[in-house]
Full PDB file with SEQRES, HELIX, SHEET, SSBOND, CRYST1, ORIGX, SCALE, CONECT and MASTER records, all heavy atoms in Angstrom:
SEQRES   1 A   42  ILE ASN SER MET GLY TRP TYR ARG GLN ALA PRO GLY LYS          
SEQRES   2 A   42  GLN ARG GLU LEU VAL ALA VAL ILE SER SER GLY GLY THR          
SEQRES   3 A   42  THR ASN TYR ALA ASP PHE VAL LYS GLY ARG PHE THR ILE          
SEQRES   4 A   42  SER ARG ASP                                                  
HELIX    1 AA1 ASP A   31  VAL A   33  5                                   3    
SHEET    1 AA1 3 MET A   4  ARG A   8  0                                        
SHEET    2 AA1 3 GLU A  16  ILE A  21 -1                                        
SHEET    3 AA1 3 THR A  27  TYR A  29 -1                                        
CRYST1    1.000    1.000    1.000  90.00  90.00  90.00 P 1           1          
ORIGX1      1.000000  0.000000  0.000000        0.00000                         
ORIGX2      0.000000  1.000000  0.000000        0.00000                         
ORIGX3      0.000000  0.000000  1.000000        0.00000                         
SCALE1      1.000000  0.000000  0.000000        0.00000                         
SCALE2      0.000000  1.000000  0.000000        0.00000                         
SCALE3      0.000000  0.000000  1.000000        0.00000                         
ATOM      1  N   ILE A   1     143.313  52.031 -56.160  1.00  0.00           N  
ATOM      2  CA  ILE A   1     142.473  53.022 -55.321  1.00  0.00           C  
ATOM      3  C   ILE A   1     143.428  54.087 -54.755  1.00  0.00           C  
ATOM      4  O   ILE A   1     144.414  53.799 -54.095  1.00  0.00           O  
ATOM      5  CB  ILE A   1     141.831  52.262 -54.153  1.00  0.00           C  
ATOM      6  CG1 ILE A   1     140.941  51.144 -54.671  1.00  0.00           C  
ATOM      7  CG2 ILE A   1     141.026  53.251 -53.297  1.00  0.00           C  
ATOM      8  CD1 ILE A   1     140.232  50.324 -53.541  1.00  0.00           C  
ATOM      9  N   ASN A   2     143.156  55.377 -55.022  1.00  0.00           N  
ATOM     10  CA  ASN A   2     143.945  56.433 -54.587  1.00  0.00           C  
ATOM     11  C   ASN A   2     143.417  56.811 -53.205  1.00  0.00           C  
ATOM     12  O   ASN A   2     143.469  56.083 -52.198  1.00  0.00           O  
ATOM     13  CB  ASN A   2     144.013  57.486 -55.596  1.00  0.00           C  
ATOM     14  CG  ASN A   2     145.150  58.603 -55.282  1.00  0.00           C  
ATOM     15  OD1 ASN A   2     145.682  58.556 -54.185  1.00  0.00           O  
ATOM     16  ND2 ASN A   2     145.464  59.337 -56.193  1.00  0.00           N  
ATOM     17  N   SER A   3     142.828  58.046 -53.118  1.00  0.00           N  
ATOM     18  CA  SER A   3     142.293  58.443 -51.851  1.00  0.00           C  
ATOM     19  C   SER A   3     141.028  57.741 -51.435  1.00  0.00           C  
ATOM     20  O   SER A   3     140.231  57.295 -52.320  1.00  0.00           O  
ATOM     21  CB  SER A   3     142.019  59.924 -51.945  1.00  0.00           C  
ATOM     22  OG  SER A   3     141.057  60.308 -52.885  1.00  0.00           O  
ATOM     23  N   MET A   4     140.833  57.640 -50.206  1.00  0.00           N  
ATOM     24  CA  MET A   4     139.547  57.023 -49.661  1.00  0.00           C  
ATOM     25  C   MET A   4     139.056  58.018 -48.586  1.00  0.00           C  
ATOM     26  O   MET A   4     139.912  58.465 -47.797  1.00  0.00           O  
ATOM     27  CB  MET A   4     139.772  55.595 -49.031  1.00  0.00           C  
ATOM     28  CG  MET A   4     140.428  54.674 -50.089  1.00  0.00           C  
ATOM     29  SD  MET A   4     140.741  53.023 -49.430  1.00  0.00           S  
ATOM     30  CE  MET A   4     139.081  52.327 -49.687  1.00  0.00           C  
ATOM     31  N   GLY A   5     137.816  58.124 -48.535  1.00  0.00           N  
ATOM     32  CA  GLY A   5     137.233  59.144 -47.508  1.00  0.00           C  
ATOM     33  C   GLY A   5     135.800  58.854 -47.157  1.00  0.00           C  
ATOM     34  O   GLY A   5     135.117  58.095 -47.619  1.00  0.00           O  
ATOM     35  N   TRP A   6     135.517  59.707 -46.141  1.00  0.00           N  
ATOM     36  CA  TRP A   6     134.097  59.692 -45.602  1.00  0.00           C  
ATOM     37  C   TRP A   6     133.559  61.064 -45.629  1.00  0.00           C  
ATOM     38  O   TRP A   6     134.170  62.040 -45.282  1.00  0.00           O  
ATOM     39  CB  TRP A   6     134.083  59.161 -44.157  1.00  0.00           C  
ATOM     40  CG  TRP A   6     134.457  57.736 -44.030  1.00  0.00           C  
ATOM     41  CD1 TRP A   6     135.685  57.175 -43.810  1.00  0.00           C  
ATOM     42  CD2 TRP A   6     133.539  56.689 -44.160  1.00  0.00           C  
ATOM     43  NE1 TRP A   6     135.603  55.803 -43.763  1.00  0.00           N  
ATOM     44  CE2 TRP A   6     134.361  55.435 -44.009  1.00  0.00           C  
ATOM     45  CE3 TRP A   6     132.065  56.495 -44.437  1.00  0.00           C  
ATOM     46  CZ2 TRP A   6     133.715  54.178 -44.025  1.00  0.00           C  
ATOM     47  CZ3 TRP A   6     131.578  55.283 -44.391  1.00  0.00           C  
ATOM     48  CH2 TRP A   6     132.365  54.105 -44.229  1.00  0.00           C  
ATOM     49  N   TYR A   7     132.298  61.191 -46.082  1.00  0.00           N  
ATOM     50  CA  TYR A   7     131.549  62.358 -46.060  1.00  0.00           C  
ATOM     51  C   TYR A   7     130.223  62.095 -45.255  1.00  0.00           C  
ATOM     52  O   TYR A   7     129.922  60.979 -45.026  1.00  0.00           O  
ATOM     53  CB  TYR A   7     131.122  62.790 -47.493  1.00  0.00           C  
ATOM     54  CG  TYR A   7     132.250  63.412 -48.350  1.00  0.00           C  
ATOM     55  CD1 TYR A   7     133.284  62.550 -48.783  1.00  0.00           C  
ATOM     56  CD2 TYR A   7     132.307  64.719 -48.639  1.00  0.00           C  
ATOM     57  CE1 TYR A   7     134.291  63.070 -49.502  1.00  0.00           C  
ATOM     58  CE2 TYR A   7     133.338  65.240 -49.401  1.00  0.00           C  
ATOM     59  CZ  TYR A   7     134.345  64.403 -49.891  1.00  0.00           C  
ATOM     60  OH  TYR A   7     135.389  64.827 -50.687  1.00  0.00           O  
ATOM     61  N   ARG A   8     129.588  63.140 -44.904  1.00  0.00           N  
ATOM     62  CA  ARG A   8     128.308  62.981 -44.195  1.00  0.00           C  
ATOM     63  C   ARG A   8     127.362  64.105 -44.687  1.00  0.00           C  
ATOM     64  O   ARG A   8     127.720  65.190 -45.059  1.00  0.00           O  
ATOM     65  CB  ARG A   8     128.479  63.007 -42.765  1.00  0.00           C  
ATOM     66  CG  ARG A   8     128.742  64.355 -42.111  1.00  0.00           C  
ATOM     67  CD  ARG A   8     129.014  64.244 -40.592  1.00  0.00           C  
ATOM     68  NE  ARG A   8     129.175  65.462 -39.871  1.00  0.00           N  
ATOM     69  CZ  ARG A   8     129.577  65.632 -38.687  1.00  0.00           C  
ATOM     70  NH1 ARG A   8     129.745  64.551 -37.894  1.00  0.00           N  
ATOM     71  NH2 ARG A   8     129.591  66.802 -38.103  1.00  0.00           N  
ATOM     72  N   GLN A   9     126.063  63.715 -44.528  1.00  0.00           N  
ATOM     73  CA  GLN A   9     124.953  64.619 -44.865  1.00  0.00           C  
ATOM     74  C   GLN A   9     123.886  64.541 -43.900  1.00  0.00           C  
ATOM     75  O   GLN A   9     123.248  63.505 -43.772  1.00  0.00           O  
ATOM     76  CB  GLN A   9     124.426  64.424 -46.279  1.00  0.00           C  
ATOM     77  CG  GLN A   9     123.510  65.516 -46.817  1.00  0.00           C  
ATOM     78  CD  GLN A   9     123.222  65.424 -48.268  1.00  0.00           C  
ATOM     79  OE1 GLN A   9     123.502  64.407 -48.907  1.00  0.00           O  
ATOM     80  NE2 GLN A   9     122.696  66.472 -48.856  1.00  0.00           N  
ATOM     81  N   ALA A  10     123.573  65.613 -43.182  1.00  0.00           N  
ATOM     82  CA  ALA A  10     122.492  65.721 -42.198  1.00  0.00           C  
ATOM     83  C   ALA A  10     121.269  66.250 -42.951  1.00  0.00           C  
ATOM     84  O   ALA A  10     121.379  66.885 -43.931  1.00  0.00           O  
ATOM     85  CB  ALA A  10     122.963  66.604 -41.046  1.00  0.00           C  
ATOM     86  N   PRO A  11     120.144  65.959 -42.361  1.00  0.00           N  
ATOM     87  CA  PRO A  11     118.837  66.498 -42.967  1.00  0.00           C  
ATOM     88  C   PRO A  11     118.894  68.012 -43.123  1.00  0.00           C  
ATOM     89  O   PRO A  11     119.198  68.675 -42.148  1.00  0.00           O  
ATOM     90  CB  PRO A  11     117.779  66.069 -41.963  1.00  0.00           C  
ATOM     91  CG  PRO A  11     118.372  64.828 -41.298  1.00  0.00           C  
ATOM     92  CD  PRO A  11     119.890  65.080 -41.178  1.00  0.00           C  
ATOM     93  N   GLY A  12     118.651  68.398 -44.342  1.00  0.00           N  
ATOM     94  CA  GLY A  12     118.626  69.867 -44.574  1.00  0.00           C  
ATOM     95  C   GLY A  12     119.980  70.527 -44.775  1.00  0.00           C  
ATOM     96  O   GLY A  12     119.976  71.771 -44.881  1.00  0.00           O  
ATOM     97  N   LYS A  13     121.006  69.762 -44.724  1.00  0.00           N  
ATOM     98  CA  LYS A  13     122.276  70.348 -44.900  1.00  0.00           C  
ATOM     99  C   LYS A  13     123.056  69.708 -46.021  1.00  0.00           C  
ATOM    100  O   LYS A  13     122.693  68.650 -46.626  1.00  0.00           O  
ATOM    101  CB  LYS A  13     123.138  70.062 -43.605  1.00  0.00           C  
ATOM    102  CG  LYS A  13     122.667  70.784 -42.326  1.00  0.00           C  
ATOM    103  CD  LYS A  13     123.571  70.539 -41.255  1.00  0.00           C  
ATOM    104  CE  LYS A  13     123.035  71.386 -39.988  1.00  0.00           C  
ATOM    105  NZ  LYS A  13     123.893  71.233 -38.754  1.00  0.00           N  
ATOM    106  N   GLN A  14     124.138  70.367 -46.473  1.00  0.00           N  
ATOM    107  CA  GLN A  14     124.839  69.954 -47.588  1.00  0.00           C  
ATOM    108  C   GLN A  14     125.808  68.871 -47.156  1.00  0.00           C  
ATOM    109  O   GLN A  14     126.179  68.682 -45.907  1.00  0.00           O  
ATOM    110  CB  GLN A  14     125.780  71.041 -48.159  1.00  0.00           C  
ATOM    111  CG  GLN A  14     124.917  72.127 -48.957  1.00  0.00           C  
ATOM    112  CD  GLN A  14     125.774  73.166 -49.694  1.00  0.00           C  
ATOM    113  OE1 GLN A  14     126.874  73.397 -49.299  1.00  0.00           O  
ATOM    114  NE2 GLN A  14     125.236  73.683 -50.810  1.00  0.00           N  
ATOM    115  N   ARG A  15     126.170  68.004 -48.121  1.00  0.00           N  
ATOM    116  CA  ARG A  15     127.187  67.005 -47.821  1.00  0.00           C  
ATOM    117  C   ARG A  15     128.571  67.631 -47.567  1.00  0.00           C  
ATOM    118  O   ARG A  15     128.985  68.519 -48.238  1.00  0.00           O  
ATOM    119  CB  ARG A  15     127.316  65.973 -48.979  1.00  0.00           C  
ATOM    120  CG  ARG A  15     128.043  64.705 -48.678  1.00  0.00           C  
ATOM    121  CD  ARG A  15     127.982  63.727 -49.860  1.00  0.00           C  
ATOM    122  NE  ARG A  15     126.566  63.320 -50.094  1.00  0.00           N  
ATOM    123  CZ  ARG A  15     126.252  62.370 -50.885  1.00  0.00           C  
ATOM    124  NH1 ARG A  15     127.179  61.793 -51.575  1.00  0.00           N  
ATOM    125  NH2 ARG A  15     124.981  62.007 -51.109  1.00  0.00           N  
ATOM    126  N   GLU A  16     129.210  67.069 -46.467  1.00  0.00           N  
ATOM    127  CA  GLU A  16     130.516  67.643 -46.070  1.00  0.00           C  
ATOM    128  C   GLU A  16     131.527  66.601 -45.801  1.00  0.00           C  
ATOM    129  O   GLU A  16     131.226  65.458 -45.398  1.00  0.00           O  
ATOM    130  CB  GLU A  16     130.296  68.489 -44.766  1.00  0.00           C  
ATOM    131  CG  GLU A  16     129.722  67.631 -43.592  1.00  0.00           C  
ATOM    132  CD  GLU A  16     129.450  68.594 -42.407  1.00  0.00           C  
ATOM    133  OE1 GLU A  16     129.652  69.784 -42.450  1.00  0.00           O  
ATOM    134  OE2 GLU A  16     128.992  68.063 -41.326  1.00  0.00           O  
ATOM    135  N   LEU A  17     132.754  66.973 -46.038  1.00  0.00           N  
ATOM    136  CA  LEU A  17     133.907  66.089 -45.763  1.00  0.00           C  
ATOM    137  C   LEU A  17     134.084  65.772 -44.319  1.00  0.00           C  
ATOM    138  O   LEU A  17     134.021  66.721 -43.465  1.00  0.00           O  
ATOM    139  CB  LEU A  17     135.146  66.683 -46.300  1.00  0.00           C  
ATOM    140  CG  LEU A  17     136.472  65.874 -46.151  1.00  0.00           C  
ATOM    141  CD1 LEU A  17     136.448  64.556 -46.855  1.00  0.00           C  
ATOM    142  CD2 LEU A  17     137.645  66.686 -46.502  1.00  0.00           C  
ATOM    143  N   VAL A  18     134.334  64.555 -43.980  1.00  0.00           N  
ATOM    144  CA  VAL A  18     134.601  64.174 -42.597  1.00  0.00           C  
ATOM    145  C   VAL A  18     136.061  63.921 -42.445  1.00  0.00           C  
ATOM    146  O   VAL A  18     136.841  64.434 -41.634  1.00  0.00           O  
ATOM    147  CB  VAL A  18     133.783  62.988 -42.236  1.00  0.00           C  
ATOM    148  CG1 VAL A  18     134.171  62.478 -40.753  1.00  0.00           C  
ATOM    149  CG2 VAL A  18     132.375  63.230 -42.163  1.00  0.00           C  
ATOM    150  N   ALA A  19     136.545  62.982 -43.317  1.00  0.00           N  
ATOM    151  CA  ALA A  19     138.003  62.648 -43.222  1.00  0.00           C  
ATOM    152  C   ALA A  19     138.336  61.941 -44.534  1.00  0.00           C  
ATOM    153  O   ALA A  19     137.493  61.345 -45.200  1.00  0.00           O  
ATOM    154  CB  ALA A  19     138.230  61.737 -42.056  1.00  0.00           C  
ATOM    155  N   VAL A  20     139.679  62.064 -44.840  1.00  0.00           N  
ATOM    156  CA  VAL A  20     140.183  61.420 -45.998  1.00  0.00           C  
ATOM    157  C   VAL A  20     141.559  60.863 -45.759  1.00  0.00           C  
ATOM    158  O   VAL A  20     142.311  61.390 -44.903  1.00  0.00           O  
ATOM    159  CB  VAL A  20     140.197  62.391 -47.163  1.00  0.00           C  
ATOM    160  CG1 VAL A  20     141.138  63.560 -46.895  1.00  0.00           C  
ATOM    161  CG2 VAL A  20     140.593  61.794 -48.570  1.00  0.00           C  
ATOM    162  N   ILE A  21     141.898  59.801 -46.438  1.00  0.00           N  
ATOM    163  CA  ILE A  21     143.254  59.136 -46.266  1.00  0.00           C  
ATOM    164  C   ILE A  21     143.694  58.885 -47.648  1.00  0.00           C  
ATOM    165  O   ILE A  21     143.115  58.424 -48.516  1.00  0.00           O  
ATOM    166  CB  ILE A  21     143.118  57.925 -45.402  1.00  0.00           C  
ATOM    167  CG1 ILE A  21     144.528  57.323 -45.177  1.00  0.00           C  
ATOM    168  CG2 ILE A  21     142.196  56.877 -45.980  1.00  0.00           C  
ATOM    169  CD1 ILE A  21     144.560  56.245 -44.112  1.00  0.00           C  
ATOM    170  N   SER A  22     145.015  59.218 -47.871  1.00  0.00           N  
ATOM    171  CA  SER A  22     145.609  59.020 -49.165  1.00  0.00           C  
ATOM    172  C   SER A  22     146.207  57.582 -49.269  1.00  0.00           C  
ATOM    173  O   SER A  22     146.148  56.789 -48.296  1.00  0.00           O  
ATOM    174  CB  SER A  22     146.847  59.971 -49.414  1.00  0.00           C  
ATOM    175  OG  SER A  22     147.917  59.650 -48.539  1.00  0.00           O  
ATOM    176  N   SER A  23     146.571  57.237 -50.483  1.00  0.00           N  
ATOM    177  CA  SER A  23     147.032  55.844 -50.721  1.00  0.00           C  
ATOM    178  C   SER A  23     148.310  55.568 -49.847  1.00  0.00           C  
ATOM    179  O   SER A  23     148.595  54.411 -49.467  1.00  0.00           O  
ATOM    180  CB  SER A  23     147.408  55.668 -52.147  1.00  0.00           C  
ATOM    181  OG  SER A  23     148.404  56.534 -52.588  1.00  0.00           O  
ATOM    182  N   GLY A  24     149.009  56.686 -49.493  1.00  0.00           N  
ATOM    183  CA  GLY A  24     150.211  56.534 -48.648  1.00  0.00           C  
ATOM    184  C   GLY A  24     149.980  56.643 -47.190  1.00  0.00           C  
ATOM    185  O   GLY A  24     150.884  56.503 -46.330  1.00  0.00           O  
ATOM    186  N   GLY A  25     148.680  56.839 -46.796  1.00  0.00           N  
ATOM    187  CA  GLY A  25     148.373  56.909 -45.371  1.00  0.00           C  
ATOM    188  C   GLY A  25     148.234  58.326 -44.789  1.00  0.00           C  
ATOM    189  O   GLY A  25     147.956  58.456 -43.598  1.00  0.00           O  
ATOM    190  N   THR A  26     148.423  59.330 -45.534  1.00  0.00           N  
ATOM    191  CA  THR A  26     148.239  60.647 -45.071  1.00  0.00           C  
ATOM    192  C   THR A  26     146.763  60.996 -44.798  1.00  0.00           C  
ATOM    193  O   THR A  26     145.997  60.658 -45.694  1.00  0.00           O  
ATOM    194  CB  THR A  26     148.813  61.661 -45.985  1.00  0.00           C  
ATOM    195  OG1 THR A  26     150.238  61.454 -46.238  1.00  0.00           O  
ATOM    196  CG2 THR A  26     148.702  63.143 -45.452  1.00  0.00           C  
ATOM    197  N   THR A  27     146.514  61.535 -43.615  1.00  0.00           N  
ATOM    198  CA  THR A  27     145.090  61.729 -43.284  1.00  0.00           C  
ATOM    199  C   THR A  27     144.795  63.257 -43.162  1.00  0.00           C  
ATOM    200  O   THR A  27     145.657  64.078 -42.859  1.00  0.00           O  
ATOM    201  CB  THR A  27     144.822  61.047 -41.957  1.00  0.00           C  
ATOM    202  OG1 THR A  27     145.615  61.524 -40.890  1.00  0.00           O  
ATOM    203  CG2 THR A  27     144.929  59.554 -42.052  1.00  0.00           C  
ATOM    204  N   ASN A  28     143.551  63.530 -43.343  1.00  0.00           N  
ATOM    205  CA  ASN A  28     143.069  64.885 -43.187  1.00  0.00           C  
ATOM    206  C   ASN A  28     141.643  64.817 -42.591  1.00  0.00           C  
ATOM    207  O   ASN A  28     140.885  64.039 -43.049  1.00  0.00           O  
ATOM    208  CB  ASN A  28     143.024  65.655 -44.478  1.00  0.00           C  
ATOM    209  CG  ASN A  28     142.764  67.086 -44.373  1.00  0.00           C  
ATOM    210  OD1 ASN A  28     143.172  67.742 -43.398  1.00  0.00           O  
ATOM    211  ND2 ASN A  28     142.147  67.703 -45.346  1.00  0.00           N  
ATOM    212  N   TYR A  29     141.379  65.720 -41.607  1.00  0.00           N  
ATOM    213  CA  TYR A  29     140.056  65.621 -40.860  1.00  0.00           C  
ATOM    214  C   TYR A  29     139.434  67.022 -40.923  1.00  0.00           C  
ATOM    215  O   TYR A  29     140.130  68.058 -40.832  1.00  0.00           O  
ATOM    216  CB  TYR A  29     140.376  65.212 -39.420  1.00  0.00           C  
ATOM    217  CG  TYR A  29     140.837  63.850 -39.275  1.00  0.00           C  
ATOM    218  CD1 TYR A  29     142.237  63.575 -39.173  1.00  0.00           C  
ATOM    219  CD2 TYR A  29     140.007  62.739 -39.165  1.00  0.00           C  
ATOM    220  CE1 TYR A  29     142.767  62.322 -39.006  1.00  0.00           C  
ATOM    221  CE2 TYR A  29     140.469  61.454 -38.920  1.00  0.00           C  
ATOM    222  CZ  TYR A  29     141.820  61.260 -38.915  1.00  0.00           C  
ATOM    223  OH  TYR A  29     142.301  59.965 -38.683  1.00  0.00           O  
ATOM    224  N   ALA A  30     138.117  67.018 -40.886  1.00  0.00           N  
ATOM    225  CA  ALA A  30     137.413  68.181 -40.667  1.00  0.00           C  
ATOM    226  C   ALA A  30     137.601  68.579 -39.207  1.00  0.00           C  
ATOM    227  O   ALA A  30     137.766  67.734 -38.320  1.00  0.00           O  
ATOM    228  CB  ALA A  30     135.924  67.942 -40.903  1.00  0.00           C  
ATOM    229  N   ASP A  31     137.650  69.870 -38.949  1.00  0.00           N  
ATOM    230  CA  ASP A  31     137.820  70.437 -37.654  1.00  0.00           C  
ATOM    231  C   ASP A  31     136.834  69.778 -36.610  1.00  0.00           C  
ATOM    232  O   ASP A  31     137.187  69.527 -35.462  1.00  0.00           O  
ATOM    233  CB  ASP A  31     137.752  71.926 -37.626  1.00  0.00           C  
ATOM    234  CG  ASP A  31     138.993  72.561 -38.251  1.00  0.00           C  
ATOM    235  OD1 ASP A  31     140.003  71.866 -38.404  1.00  0.00           O  
ATOM    236  OD2 ASP A  31     138.889  73.727 -38.549  1.00  0.00           O  
ATOM    237  N   PHE A  32     135.582  69.539 -37.035  1.00  0.00           N  
ATOM    238  CA  PHE A  32     134.586  69.130 -36.077  1.00  0.00           C  
ATOM    239  C   PHE A  32     134.717  67.707 -35.600  1.00  0.00           C  
ATOM    240  O   PHE A  32     134.022  67.182 -34.779  1.00  0.00           O  
ATOM    241  CB  PHE A  32     133.197  69.383 -36.615  1.00  0.00           C  
ATOM    242  CG  PHE A  32     132.884  68.835 -37.989  1.00  0.00           C  
ATOM    243  CD1 PHE A  32     132.649  67.495 -38.156  1.00  0.00           C  
ATOM    244  CD2 PHE A  32     132.942  69.666 -39.095  1.00  0.00           C  
ATOM    245  CE1 PHE A  32     132.451  66.893 -39.468  1.00  0.00           C  
ATOM    246  CE2 PHE A  32     132.672  69.143 -40.366  1.00  0.00           C  
ATOM    247  CZ  PHE A  32     132.471  67.820 -40.556  1.00  0.00           C  
ATOM    248  N   VAL A  33     135.682  66.956 -36.155  1.00  0.00           N  
ATOM    249  CA  VAL A  33     135.837  65.593 -35.751  1.00  0.00           C  
ATOM    250  C   VAL A  33     137.297  65.286 -35.301  1.00  0.00           C  
ATOM    251  O   VAL A  33     137.634  64.178 -34.779  1.00  0.00           O  
ATOM    252  CB  VAL A  33     135.514  64.483 -36.880  1.00  0.00           C  
ATOM    253  CG1 VAL A  33     134.119  64.671 -37.317  1.00  0.00           C  
ATOM    254  CG2 VAL A  33     136.523  64.649 -38.045  1.00  0.00           C  
ATOM    255  N   LYS A  34     138.128  66.333 -35.401  1.00  0.00           N  
ATOM    256  CA  LYS A  34     139.570  66.125 -34.954  1.00  0.00           C  
ATOM    257  C   LYS A  34     139.609  65.729 -33.517  1.00  0.00           C  
ATOM    258  O   LYS A  34     138.986  66.327 -32.618  1.00  0.00           O  
ATOM    259  CB  LYS A  34     140.337  67.424 -35.184  1.00  0.00           C  
ATOM    260  CG  LYS A  34     140.777  67.641 -36.654  1.00  0.00           C  
ATOM    261  CD  LYS A  34     141.521  68.945 -36.793  1.00  0.00           C  
ATOM    262  CE  LYS A  34     141.964  69.029 -38.254  1.00  0.00           C  
ATOM    263  NZ  LYS A  34     142.739  70.358 -38.410  1.00  0.00           N  
ATOM    264  N   GLY A  35     140.365  64.638 -33.244  1.00  0.00           N  
ATOM    265  CA  GLY A  35     140.518  64.206 -31.806  1.00  0.00           C  
ATOM    266  C   GLY A  35     139.519  63.235 -31.463  1.00  0.00           C  
ATOM    267  O   GLY A  35     139.544  62.554 -30.372  1.00  0.00           O  
ATOM    268  N   ARG A  36     138.443  62.990 -32.229  1.00  0.00           N  
ATOM    269  CA  ARG A  36     137.328  62.085 -31.970  1.00  0.00           C  
ATOM    270  C   ARG A  36     137.245  60.979 -32.934  1.00  0.00           C  
ATOM    271  O   ARG A  36     137.054  59.806 -32.558  1.00  0.00           O  
ATOM    272  CB  ARG A  36     136.005  62.837 -31.870  1.00  0.00           C  
ATOM    273  CG  ARG A  36     135.977  63.882 -30.843  1.00  0.00           C  
ATOM    274  CD  ARG A  36     134.514  64.433 -30.665  1.00  0.00           C  
ATOM    275  NE  ARG A  36     133.957  65.075 -31.892  1.00  0.00           N  
ATOM    276  CZ  ARG A  36     132.923  64.684 -32.531  1.00  0.00           C  
ATOM    277  NH1 ARG A  36     132.169  63.726 -32.035  1.00  0.00           N  
ATOM    278  NH2 ARG A  36     132.486  65.260 -33.635  1.00  0.00           N  
ATOM    279  N   PHE A  37     137.450  61.197 -34.190  1.00  0.00           N  
ATOM    280  CA  PHE A  37     137.289  60.193 -35.259  1.00  0.00           C  
ATOM    281  C   PHE A  37     138.664  59.974 -35.851  1.00  0.00           C  
ATOM    282  O   PHE A  37     139.644  60.729 -35.862  1.00  0.00           O  
ATOM    283  CB  PHE A  37     136.469  60.648 -36.402  1.00  0.00           C  
ATOM    284  CG  PHE A  37     135.072  60.947 -36.132  1.00  0.00           C  
ATOM    285  CD1 PHE A  37     134.478  60.823 -34.790  1.00  0.00           C  
ATOM    286  CD2 PHE A  37     134.100  61.347 -37.064  1.00  0.00           C  
ATOM    287  CE1 PHE A  37     133.114  61.021 -34.471  1.00  0.00           C  
ATOM    288  CE2 PHE A  37     132.769  61.497 -36.860  1.00  0.00           C  
ATOM    289  CZ  PHE A  37     132.346  61.453 -35.530  1.00  0.00           C  
ATOM    290  N   THR A  38     138.860  58.607 -36.267  1.00  0.00           N  
ATOM    291  CA  THR A  38     140.146  58.191 -36.906  1.00  0.00           C  
ATOM    292  C   THR A  38     139.764  57.474 -38.155  1.00  0.00           C  
ATOM    293  O   THR A  38     138.966  56.534 -38.173  1.00  0.00           O  
ATOM    294  CB  THR A  38     140.882  57.273 -35.957  1.00  0.00           C  
ATOM    295  OG1 THR A  38     141.173  57.933 -34.745  1.00  0.00           O  
ATOM    296  CG2 THR A  38     142.229  56.873 -36.528  1.00  0.00           C  
ATOM    297  N   ILE A  39     140.400  57.870 -39.222  1.00  0.00           N  
ATOM    298  CA  ILE A  39     140.208  57.145 -40.507  1.00  0.00           C  
ATOM    299  C   ILE A  39     141.459  56.275 -40.740  1.00  0.00           C  
ATOM    300  O   ILE A  39     142.642  56.692 -40.398  1.00  0.00           O  
ATOM    301  CB  ILE A  39     140.032  58.129 -41.685  1.00  0.00           C  
ATOM    302  CG1 ILE A  39     139.698  57.406 -42.921  1.00  0.00           C  
ATOM    303  CG2 ILE A  39     141.335  58.983 -41.911  1.00  0.00           C  
ATOM    304  CD1 ILE A  39     139.290  58.283 -44.159  1.00  0.00           C  
ATOM    305  N   SER A  40     141.184  55.052 -41.263  1.00  0.00           N  
ATOM    306  CA  SER A  40     142.266  54.170 -41.610  1.00  0.00           C  
ATOM    307  C   SER A  40     141.896  53.322 -42.753  1.00  0.00           C  
ATOM    308  O   SER A  40     140.709  53.365 -43.241  1.00  0.00           O  
ATOM    309  CB  SER A  40     142.624  53.262 -40.393  1.00  0.00           C  
ATOM    310  OG  SER A  40     141.513  52.500 -40.004  1.00  0.00           O  
ATOM    311  N   ARG A  41     142.844  52.660 -43.366  1.00  0.00           N  
ATOM    312  CA  ARG A  41     142.510  51.794 -44.555  1.00  0.00           C  
ATOM    313  C   ARG A  41     143.338  50.497 -44.520  1.00  0.00           C  
ATOM    314  O   ARG A  41     144.498  50.541 -43.943  1.00  0.00           O  
ATOM    315  CB  ARG A  41     142.735  52.537 -45.853  1.00  0.00           C  
ATOM    316  CG  ARG A  41     144.189  52.980 -46.070  1.00  0.00           C  
ATOM    317  CD  ARG A  41     144.270  53.993 -47.234  1.00  0.00           C  
ATOM    318  NE  ARG A  41     144.178  53.332 -48.520  1.00  0.00           N  
ATOM    319  CZ  ARG A  41     144.037  53.943 -49.639  1.00  0.00           C  
ATOM    320  NH1 ARG A  41     143.967  55.324 -49.724  1.00  0.00           N  
ATOM    321  NH2 ARG A  41     143.904  53.331 -50.785  1.00  0.00           N  
ATOM    322  N   ASP A  42     142.770  49.501 -45.157  1.00  0.00           N  
ATOM    323  CA  ASP A  42     143.562  48.264 -45.323  1.00  0.00           C  
ATOM    324  C   ASP A  42     143.596  48.033 -46.837  1.00  0.00           C  
ATOM    325  O   ASP A  42     142.614  47.600 -47.413  1.00  0.00           O  
ATOM    326  CB  ASP A  42     142.791  47.107 -44.604  1.00  0.00           C  
ATOM    327  CG  ASP A  42     143.519  45.818 -44.642  1.00  0.00           C  
ATOM    328  OD1 ASP A  42     144.302  45.585 -45.617  1.00  0.00           O  
ATOM    329  OD2 ASP A  42     143.303  44.901 -43.803  1.00  0.00           O  
TER     330      ASP A  42                                                      
MASTER        0    0    0    1    3    0    0    6  329    1    0    4          
END                                                                             
């Protein structure tokens, strides 16, 4: 498993990236969730 991530889709809107984490643990967040959401993996 390489990257793992979360997307979301609200009614009437396109699916958008929320957060992603690489196999090495590098994370990337959409601006609208920075500071509020945390992605992690086991």
